[in-house]
Amino acid sequence: MARGAGRAPAAVNDAPIASTASPDSVRRAVEAVWRIESARIVATLTRVTGDFSLAEDVAQEALAEALGSWPASGVPANPGAWLVAVGKRRAIDHWRRQARQDERYAQLARDLDEVDSPAWDPDQIEDDVLRLIFVACHPVLSREASIALTLRVVGGLTTEEIARAFLVPVATVQQRIVRAKKTLAAAAIPFEVPTPDEHPARLSAVLSVLYLIFNEGYAASAGATWMRTDLSREALRLARVLAGLAPREPEAHGLVALMALSAARFPARLDAAGEPVLLADQDRTRWDRGLIALGRDALTRGDALGRGRGPYALQAAIAECHDVATSVEDTDWERIAVLYEALGRIAPSPVVELNRAVAVSMSEGPATALRIVDGLSTALAGYAQLPGVRAELLIRLGRIDEARAELETAARLTANEGERAVFERKLRALG
């Protein structure tokens, strides 16, 4: 349960309270609110308290209080505002215990007494989320620590999900996050968006974080849901804000382009039953033409700066090839293979090579691609997509028994239920 007395926050902003609910329904409501609003709640509390670790602590205390009080009082009409208000009160309790009744405490107390003041300012909260990302990506932290911390707090990813994304042990991720919090507290980092001359020192890490958050939404690393579109759309929104803050950075526009062109396919990536639909089987008339136009425009903006394409812009160009094609057969696979080759030179990665192999299989044939894939067995050991791609190539080569074994391995390795269903569906199709 939450510590400290505090006043009952039932009437935050005069919000009506829903009827009483069962503990199970309350738990589900709390989980849903936290999944959707956690980044904004923590970001707002960080701005208010000026202390990242304290903000996380009081947010968790607010969650505990919600679990204890909502079954009796009902779920508030605005649960996010309720949690922020309780978090602020827990911060007051903390400062009171620490005998820090300074002007910050007094002002916060006065704000809480002004019932007519809005308790939830969406515009300010959106700014707070971006500030939180910049704080977590401060140069005082290592790049790995910055990314792990931001994915945990802003992206809402578990340490297990982050570990899978980086192919490292869970303990390593946990240590990075703990060290990052301690470093930020020791350095007393201000909660603010840096000035333009400070952008270069942080921009690369911020872009990486947004990219990884989007990817987790595009293809969730674990869980029952294949996609988390809310996560991807939030990453796209933040990327567009960031591009506005750094209009002379081509990779900021490249990332917006990549996200928009990829998100354009969201409407066709699930069928009516919520099952995954692979690219070859998608109804392309359902793709979002507005997002395609947005992505292509962002790619043009980045190119107009005349500094060449970086990793995000190259990936956006690959996504553009898919989005403008009328079918899989009509896709310019040769160009995609060349773009992946360029990407592999400036941002080498075994996953990039695996994707290049898929493009090569379509432009040159499965035998050539299989040789590329076989060379990645060590680098991508434990990565479900490796046997998944290998199985597709083996099927095209008529080596069905080998393909079946690869699909079984892929299904065993993936932690995402939707992706596992895809592999199992392909297994059944083999007979």
Protein backbone atom coordinates (compact mmCIF):
# COMPACT_ATOMS: atom_id res chain seq x y z
CA MET A 1 0.00 0.00 0.00
CA ALA A 2 1.04 3.62 -0.48
CA ARG A 3 2.88 5.37 2.34
CA GLY A 4 1.76 8.65 3.90
CA ALA A 5 -1.67 9.88 4.81
CA GLY A 6 -2.57 12.49 2.19
CA ARG A 7 -6.09 13.54 1.33
CA ALA A 8 -8.38 11.23 -0.58
CA PRO A 9 -8.19 12.32 -4.23
CA ALA A 10 -11.70 11.28 -5.15
CA ALA A 11 -12.69 14.70 -6.43
CA VAL A 12 -9.72 15.58 -8.64
CA ASN A 13 -10.91 18.37 -10.90
CA ASP A 14 -14.48 17.55 -9.77
CA ALA A 15 -14.31 14.36 -11.88
CA PRO A 16 -17.27 12.03 -11.34
CA ILE A 17 -16.48 8.62 -9.93
CA ALA A 18 -17.64 5.43 -11.57
CA SER A 19 -19.61 2.87 -9.63
CA THR A 20 -17.76 0.43 -7.40
CA ALA A 21 -15.91 -2.37 -9.14
CA SER A 22 -14.50 -5.78 -8.35
CA PRO A 23 -10.80 -6.16 -7.47
CA ASP A 24 -10.19 -8.01 -10.75
CA SER A 25 -11.79 -5.30 -12.87
CA VAL A 26 -9.88 -2.64 -10.94
CA ARG A 27 -6.61 -4.48 -11.49
CA ARG A 28 -7.32 -4.64 -15.22
CA ALA A 29 -8.20 -0.94 -15.27
CA VAL A 30 -4.99 -0.02 -13.43
CA GLU A 31 -2.93 -2.15 -15.80
CA ALA A 32 -4.57 -0.53 -18.83
CA VAL A 33 -4.06 3.01 -17.52
CA TRP A 34 -0.44 2.30 -16.67
CA ARG A 35 0.24 0.72 -20.04
CA ILE A 36 -1.17 3.72 -21.90
CA GLU A 37 -0.30 6.64 -19.60
CA SER A 38 2.77 5.55 -17.60
CA ALA A 39 5.25 7.63 -19.60
CA ARG A 40 3.14 10.78 -19.23
CA ILE A 41 2.46 10.17 -15.54
CA VAL A 42 6.15 9.67 -14.70
CA ALA A 43 7.18 12.55 -16.96
CA THR A 44 4.72 14.94 -15.31
CA LEU A 45 5.81 13.89 -11.84
CA THR A 46 9.46 14.27 -12.83
CA ARG A 47 8.80 17.83 -13.96
CA VAL A 48 6.95 18.60 -10.72
CA THR A 49 9.46 17.01 -8.34
CA GLY A 50 12.65 17.58 -10.31
CA ASP A 51 13.71 14.09 -9.23
CA PHE A 52 13.42 11.19 -11.66
CA SER A 53 13.76 8.42 -9.07
CA LEU A 54 11.28 10.08 -6.70
CA ALA A 55 8.82 10.46 -9.59
CA GLU A 56 8.96 6.73 -10.29
CA ASP A 57 8.55 5.92 -6.59
CA VAL A 58 5.50 8.13 -6.04
CA ALA A 59 3.93 6.90 -9.29
CA GLN A 60 4.21 3.34 -8.01
CA GLU A 61 2.72 4.42 -4.67
CA ALA A 62 -0.19 5.98 -6.55
CA LEU A 63 -0.74 2.69 -8.36
CA ALA A 64 -0.77 0.84 -5.06
CA GLU A 65 -3.31 3.28 -3.65
CA ALA A 66 -5.50 2.85 -6.73
CA LEU A 67 -5.53 -0.91 -6.23
CA GLY A 68 -6.55 -0.39 -2.63
CA SER A 69 -9.18 2.34 -2.98
CA TRP A 70 -10.78 1.91 -6.40
CA PRO A 71 -12.65 -1.34 -5.55
CA ALA A 72 -14.62 0.66 -2.96
CA SER A 73 -14.80 4.12 -4.54
CA GLY A 74 -14.94 3.06 -8.19
CA VAL A 75 -12.60 3.83 -11.07
CA PRO A 76 -12.30 7.62 -11.56
CA ALA A 77 -13.59 9.15 -14.78
CA ASN A 78 -10.04 10.41 -15.43
CA PRO A 79 -7.75 7.77 -13.87
CA GLY A 80 -4.57 9.31 -15.27
CA ALA A 81 -5.28 12.63 -13.56
CA TRP A 82 -6.12 10.77 -10.35
CA LEU A 83 -2.76 8.98 -10.36
CA VAL A 84 -0.86 12.21 -11.04
CA ALA A 85 -2.65 13.98 -8.18
CA VAL A 86 -1.92 11.14 -5.76
CA GLY A 87 1.68 11.06 -6.93
CA LYS A 88 2.00 14.79 -6.19
CA ARG A 89 0.62 14.25 -2.70
CA ARG A 90 3.06 11.41 -2.10
CA ALA A 91 5.85 13.77 -3.16
CA ILE A 92 4.63 16.29 -0.57
CA ASP A 93 4.68 13.54 2.04
CA HIS A 94 8.24 12.71 1.03
CA TRP A 95 9.38 16.33 1.26
CA ARG A 96 7.61 16.72 4.61
CA ARG A 97 9.45 13.70 5.95
CA GLN A 98 12.68 15.18 4.64
CA ALA A 99 11.89 18.54 6.26
CA ARG A 100 12.13 20.22 2.86
CA GLN A 101 9.16 22.59 3.13
CA ASP A 102 10.59 25.04 0.64
CA GLU A 103 8.79 27.17 -1.94
CA ARG A 104 8.46 24.19 -4.30
CA TYR A 105 6.44 22.31 -1.67
CA ALA A 106 4.35 25.36 -0.83
CA GLN A 107 3.57 26.11 -4.47
CA LEU A 108 2.62 22.51 -5.16
CA ALA A 109 0.32 22.49 -2.13
CA ARG A 110 -1.37 25.68 -3.33
CA ASP A 111 -1.83 24.16 -6.80
CA LEU A 112 -3.53 21.12 -5.31
CA ASP A 113 -5.95 23.31 -3.37
CA GLU A 114 -7.07 25.10 -6.53
CA VAL A 115 -9.82 22.70 -7.52
CA ASP A 116 -10.77 24.78 -10.54
CA SER A 117 -7.28 24.44 -12.05
CA PRO A 118 -6.95 21.71 -14.69
CA ALA A 119 -5.28 18.64 -13.18
CA TRP A 120 -4.39 17.19 -16.56
CA ASP A 121 -2.86 19.34 -19.29
CA PRO A 122 -2.39 17.14 -22.41
CA ASP A 123 -0.22 19.69 -24.22
CA GLN A 124 2.14 20.07 -21.29
CA ILE A 125 2.27 16.32 -20.72
CA GLU A 126 3.29 15.72 -24.32
CA ASP A 127 6.16 18.16 -23.81
CA ASP A 128 7.02 16.39 -20.56
CA VAL A 129 7.41 13.03 -22.30
CA LEU A 130 9.90 14.49 -24.75
CA ARG A 131 11.76 16.21 -21.91
CA LEU A 132 11.93 12.89 -20.08
CA ILE A 133 13.50 11.25 -23.13
CA PHE A 134 16.12 13.99 -23.36
CA VAL A 135 16.87 13.69 -19.64
CA ALA A 136 17.31 9.94 -19.94
CA CYS A 137 19.56 10.45 -22.98
CA HIS A 138 21.86 12.93 -21.23
CA PRO A 139 25.57 12.62 -22.21
CA VAL A 140 26.42 11.82 -18.58
CA LEU A 141 24.95 8.36 -19.25
CA SER A 142 26.35 5.73 -21.56
CA ARG A 143 24.39 5.15 -24.75
CA GLU A 144 23.38 1.66 -23.61
CA ALA A 145 22.18 2.96 -20.24
CA SER A 146 20.24 5.83 -21.84
CA ILE A 147 18.42 3.55 -24.22
CA ALA A 148 17.63 0.91 -21.59
CA LEU A 149 16.30 3.50 -19.12
CA THR A 150 14.12 5.26 -21.68
CA LEU A 151 12.70 2.04 -23.10
CA ARG A 152 11.80 0.98 -19.57
CA VAL A 153 10.18 4.24 -18.46
CA VAL A 154 8.85 5.82 -21.66
CA GLY A 155 8.31 2.72 -23.77
CA GLY A 156 6.91 0.72 -20.88
CA LEU A 157 8.99 -2.30 -21.91
CA THR A 158 9.94 -4.89 -19.34
CA THR A 159 13.59 -5.67 -18.71
CA GLU A 160 13.00 -9.03 -20.41
CA GLU A 161 11.70 -7.31 -23.56
CA ILE A 162 14.63 -4.89 -23.62
CA ALA A 163 17.08 -7.76 -23.15
CA ARG A 164 15.55 -9.60 -26.11
CA ALA A 165 15.78 -6.47 -28.25
CA PHE A 166 19.52 -6.19 -27.57
CA LEU A 167 20.21 -9.92 -27.34
CA VAL A 168 21.79 -9.49 -23.89
CA PRO A 169 21.07 -11.07 -20.47
CA VAL A 170 18.23 -9.63 -18.39
CA ALA A 171 20.63 -8.96 -15.50
CA THR A 172 22.72 -6.72 -17.76
CA VAL A 173 19.70 -4.57 -18.59
CA GLN A 174 18.68 -4.36 -14.93
CA GLN A 175 22.16 -3.19 -13.94
CA ARG A 176 22.18 -0.55 -16.69
CA ILE A 177 18.86 0.89 -15.53
CA VAL A 178 19.84 1.01 -11.86
CA ARG A 179 23.18 2.67 -12.65
CA ALA A 180 21.48 5.18 -14.95
CA LYS A 181 19.03 6.29 -12.24
CA LYS A 182 21.81 6.69 -9.69
CA THR A 183 23.93 8.69 -12.14
CA LEU A 184 21.08 11.05 -13.03
CA ALA A 185 20.37 11.66 -9.34
CA ALA A 186 24.02 12.26 -8.51
CA ALA A 187 24.46 14.66 -11.43
CA ALA A 188 21.23 16.57 -10.63
CA ILE A 189 20.28 16.69 -14.32
CA PRO A 190 17.67 19.43 -15.04
CA PHE A 191 14.35 18.31 -16.45
CA GLU A 192 14.36 20.22 -19.73
CA VAL A 193 14.74 19.98 -23.49
CA PRO A 194 18.32 20.99 -24.33
CA THR A 195 19.10 24.08 -26.37
CA PRO A 196 19.80 23.58 -30.10
CA ASP A 197 23.57 23.66 -29.57
CA GLU A 198 23.18 20.70 -27.18
CA HIS A 199 21.17 18.59 -29.64
CA PRO A 200 24.11 16.81 -31.31
CA ALA A 201 25.28 15.29 -28.03
CA ARG A 202 21.89 13.69 -27.38
CA LEU A 203 20.06 13.46 -30.67
CA SER A 204 21.51 10.15 -31.79
CA ALA A 205 20.47 8.41 -28.57
CA VAL A 206 17.00 9.98 -28.65
CA LEU A 207 16.50 8.81 -32.25
CA SER A 208 17.63 5.30 -31.29
CA VAL A 209 15.18 5.19 -28.41
CA LEU A 210 12.23 6.31 -30.53
CA TYR A 211 13.21 3.80 -33.22
CA LEU A 212 13.28 0.93 -30.72
CA ILE A 213 9.99 1.98 -29.14
CA PHE A 214 8.38 2.05 -32.57
CA ASN A 215 9.80 -1.38 -33.41
CA GLU A 216 8.44 -2.88 -30.19
CA GLY A 217 5.02 -1.60 -31.21
CA TYR A 218 5.42 -2.81 -34.80
CA ALA A 219 6.32 -6.36 -33.76
CA ALA A 220 6.10 -6.93 -30.01
CA SER A 221 8.95 -9.01 -28.64
CA ALA A 222 6.67 -10.90 -26.27
CA GLY A 223 3.08 -11.30 -25.14
CA ALA A 224 -0.24 -12.19 -26.68
CA THR A 225 -0.42 -9.20 -29.01
CA TRP A 226 1.53 -9.21 -32.27
CA MET A 227 1.47 -5.41 -32.50
CA ARG A 228 1.22 -2.55 -30.02
CA THR A 229 0.00 0.19 -32.33
CA ASP A 230 -0.45 2.70 -29.49
CA LEU A 231 3.28 2.42 -28.76
CA SER A 232 4.26 2.88 -32.40
CA ARG A 233 1.93 5.82 -32.92
CA GLU A 234 3.29 7.53 -29.80
CA ALA A 235 6.84 7.03 -31.11
CA LEU A 236 5.81 8.56 -34.44
CA ARG A 237 4.23 11.53 -32.69
CA LEU A 238 7.36 12.16 -30.65
CA ALA A 239 9.56 11.73 -33.74
CA ARG A 240 7.56 14.42 -35.54
CA VAL A 241 7.94 16.77 -32.57
CA LEU A 242 11.66 16.04 -32.54
CA ALA A 243 11.99 16.74 -36.26
CA GLY A 244 10.40 20.12 -35.59
CA LEU A 245 12.97 20.81 -32.89
CA ALA A 246 15.85 19.76 -35.14
CA PRO A 247 14.75 20.62 -38.71
CA ARG A 248 18.34 20.60 -40.02
CA GLU A 249 18.97 17.00 -38.93
CA PRO A 250 18.30 14.69 -41.90
CA GLU A 251 18.02 11.57 -39.76
CA ALA A 252 15.22 13.14 -37.72
CA HIS A 253 13.23 13.40 -40.95
CA GLY A 254 14.44 9.95 -41.98
CA LEU A 255 13.05 8.43 -38.80
CA VAL A 256 9.68 10.14 -39.28
CA ALA A 257 9.63 8.79 -42.84
CA LEU A 258 10.46 5.26 -41.71
CA MET A 259 7.80 5.25 -39.01
CA ALA A 260 5.08 6.76 -41.19
CA LEU A 261 5.74 4.45 -44.14
CA SER A 262 5.77 1.41 -41.84
CA ALA A 263 2.72 2.46 -39.82
CA ALA A 264 0.80 2.93 -43.07
CA ARG A 265 0.52 -0.86 -43.27
CA PHE A 266 -0.98 -1.26 -39.79
CA PRO A 267 -4.62 -1.47 -40.96
CA ALA A 268 -3.83 -4.57 -43.04
CA ARG A 269 -1.46 -6.37 -40.65
CA LEU A 270 -4.25 -8.05 -38.67
CA ASP A 271 -7.30 -9.89 -39.97
CA ALA A 272 -10.82 -9.64 -38.58
CA ALA A 273 -10.00 -12.21 -35.92
CA GLY A 274 -6.88 -10.32 -34.83
CA GLU A 275 -4.52 -12.83 -36.41
CA PRO A 276 -1.28 -11.61 -38.07
CA VAL A 277 -1.34 -11.07 -41.84
CA LEU A 278 2.07 -11.19 -43.52
CA LEU A 279 3.12 -8.67 -46.17
CA ALA A 280 2.51 -11.01 -49.11
CA ASP A 281 -1.10 -11.58 -48.03
CA GLN A 282 -2.07 -8.04 -47.05
CA ASP A 283 -4.87 -6.11 -48.74
CA ARG A 284 -2.88 -3.14 -49.98
CA THR A 285 -6.02 -1.08 -50.56
CA ARG A 286 -6.27 -0.86 -46.77
CA TRP A 287 -2.88 0.80 -46.38
CA ASP A 288 -3.06 4.35 -45.04
CA ARG A 289 -2.33 6.61 -48.03
CA GLY A 290 -2.11 9.66 -45.79
CA LEU A 291 0.75 8.14 -43.80
CA ILE A 292 2.46 7.05 -47.02
CA ALA A 293 2.32 10.65 -48.25
CA LEU A 294 3.61 11.89 -44.90
CA GLY A 295 6.51 9.43 -45.00
CA ARG A 296 7.51 10.25 -48.55
CA ASP A 297 7.37 13.97 -47.78
CA ALA A 298 9.61 13.50 -44.73
CA LEU A 299 12.07 11.49 -46.82
CA THR A 300 12.16 14.32 -49.37
CA ARG A 301 12.74 16.87 -46.61
CA GLY A 302 15.71 14.89 -45.34
CA ASP A 303 17.18 14.49 -48.83
CA ALA A 304 16.80 18.23 -49.47
CA LEU A 305 19.34 18.96 -46.72
CA GLY A 306 21.97 17.49 -49.03
CA ARG A 307 23.92 15.46 -46.47
CA GLY A 308 23.13 11.97 -47.74
CA ARG A 309 20.96 9.26 -46.26
CA GLY A 310 21.70 7.74 -42.89
CA PRO A 311 20.42 4.43 -41.44
CA TYR A 312 16.86 5.63 -40.80
CA ALA A 313 16.47 7.26 -44.21
CA LEU A 314 17.79 4.12 -45.93
CA GLN A 315 15.27 2.00 -44.05
CA ALA A 316 12.58 4.51 -44.99
CA ALA A 317 13.55 4.15 -48.64
CA ILE A 318 13.14 0.38 -48.29
CA ALA A 319 9.71 0.87 -46.73
CA GLU A 320 8.82 3.22 -49.57
CA CYS A 321 9.63 0.49 -52.12
CA HIS A 322 7.08 -1.75 -50.44
CA ASP A 323 4.44 0.95 -50.04
CA VAL A 324 4.43 2.08 -53.68
CA ALA A 325 4.34 -1.46 -55.11
CA THR A 326 0.96 -2.84 -56.14
CA SER A 327 1.94 -6.39 -55.20
CA VAL A 328 4.83 -8.50 -53.91
CA GLU A 329 5.72 -9.41 -57.50
CA ASP A 330 5.68 -5.75 -58.54
CA THR A 331 8.09 -4.78 -55.73
CA ASP A 332 11.55 -3.57 -56.76
CA TRP A 333 13.42 -6.26 -54.86
CA GLU A 334 16.71 -5.53 -56.58
CA ARG A 335 16.62 -1.95 -55.32
CA ILE A 336 15.69 -3.16 -51.83
CA ALA A 337 18.68 -5.52 -51.83
CA VAL A 338 20.98 -2.64 -52.83
CA LEU A 339 19.54 -0.41 -50.11
CA TYR A 340 20.09 -3.13 -47.51
CA GLU A 341 23.66 -3.51 -48.74
CA ALA A 342 24.22 0.24 -48.25
CA LEU A 343 22.59 0.06 -44.83
CA GLY A 344 24.85 -2.81 -43.85
CA ARG A 345 27.91 -0.75 -44.70
CA ILE A 346 27.05 2.29 -42.58
CA ALA A 347 25.21 0.43 -39.79
CA PRO A 348 26.38 -3.20 -39.91
CA SER A 349 24.09 -5.64 -38.14
CA PRO A 350 23.28 -9.36 -38.51
CA VAL A 351 19.58 -8.46 -38.58
CA VAL A 352 20.21 -6.14 -41.53
CA GLU A 353 22.00 -9.00 -43.28
CA LEU A 354 19.05 -11.30 -42.61
CA ASN A 355 16.70 -8.77 -44.17
CA ARG A 356 19.04 -8.38 -47.12
CA ALA A 357 18.90 -12.13 -47.58
CA VAL A 358 15.11 -11.96 -47.93
CA ALA A 359 15.45 -9.30 -50.64
CA VAL A 360 18.16 -11.33 -52.38
CA SER A 361 15.92 -14.39 -52.34
CA MET A 362 13.32 -12.41 -54.30
CA SER A 363 15.77 -10.85 -56.75
CA GLU A 364 18.33 -13.64 -57.25
CA GLY A 365 16.72 -16.78 -55.85
CA PRO A 366 16.53 -18.75 -52.59
CA ALA A 367 19.82 -20.64 -53.04
CA THR A 368 21.91 -17.45 -52.98
CA ALA A 369 19.95 -16.13 -50.03
CA LEU A 370 20.36 -19.38 -48.09
CA ARG A 371 24.13 -19.01 -48.18
CA ILE A 372 23.79 -15.56 -46.59
CA VAL A 373 21.45 -16.89 -43.91
CA ASP A 374 23.68 -19.84 -43.06
CA GLY A 375 26.50 -17.41 -42.39
CA LEU A 376 24.43 -15.76 -39.63
CA SER A 377 23.79 -18.85 -37.50
CA THR A 378 26.24 -17.81 -34.78
CA ALA A 379 25.49 -14.08 -34.71
CA LEU A 380 21.71 -14.66 -34.52
CA ALA A 381 21.61 -17.77 -32.37
CA GLY A 382 18.35 -17.75 -30.42
CA TYR A 383 16.71 -15.21 -32.74
CA ALA A 384 13.41 -16.68 -33.93
CA GLN A 385 13.41 -14.92 -37.28
CA LEU A 386 16.60 -16.72 -38.38
CA PRO A 387 15.04 -20.21 -38.57
CA GLY A 388 11.82 -18.57 -39.77
CA VAL A 389 13.53 -17.06 -42.81
CA ARG A 390 15.58 -20.18 -43.38
CA ALA A 391 12.38 -22.25 -43.42
CA GLU A 392 10.89 -20.03 -46.14
CA LEU A 393 13.98 -20.48 -48.30
CA LEU A 394 14.02 -24.25 -47.76
CA ILE A 395 10.34 -24.49 -48.75
CA ARG A 396 11.08 -22.69 -52.01
CA LEU A 397 13.95 -25.10 -52.61
CA GLY A 398 11.68 -28.09 -52.00
CA ARG A 399 13.47 -29.22 -48.82
CA ILE A 400 10.28 -29.66 -46.83
CA ASP A 401 11.53 -31.83 -43.96
CA GLU A 402 14.32 -29.37 -43.18
CA ALA A 403 11.87 -26.49 -43.41
CA ARG A 404 9.54 -28.19 -40.94
CA ALA A 405 12.37 -28.53 -38.41
CA GLU A 406 13.26 -24.85 -38.82
CA LEU A 407 9.67 -23.74 -38.26
CA GLU A 408 9.47 -25.86 -35.12
CA THR A 409 12.62 -24.14 -33.85
CA ALA A 410 11.26 -20.71 -34.70
CA ALA A 411 7.99 -21.39 -32.88
CA ARG A 412 9.91 -22.55 -29.84
CA LEU A 413 12.22 -19.52 -29.77
CA THR A 414 9.68 -16.71 -30.14
CA ALA A 415 8.14 -15.17 -27.03
CA ASN A 416 5.30 -13.52 -28.97
CA GLU A 417 2.13 -15.56 -29.26
CA GLY A 418 1.04 -13.96 -32.51
CA GLU A 419 4.37 -14.70 -34.16
CA ARG A 420 4.25 -18.25 -32.83
CA ALA A 421 0.82 -18.66 -34.40
CA VAL A 422 2.28 -17.64 -37.78
CA PHE A 423 5.02 -20.27 -37.57
CA GLU A 424 2.55 -22.93 -36.46
CA ARG A 425 0.19 -22.02 -39.29
CA LYS A 426 3.01 -22.51 -41.77
CA LEU A 427 3.81 -25.85 -40.15
CA ARG A 428 0.25 -27.03 -40.64
CA ALA A 429 0.36 -25.92 -44.25
CA LEU A 430 3.29 -28.26 -44.81
CA GLY A 431 1.15 -31.22 -43.78
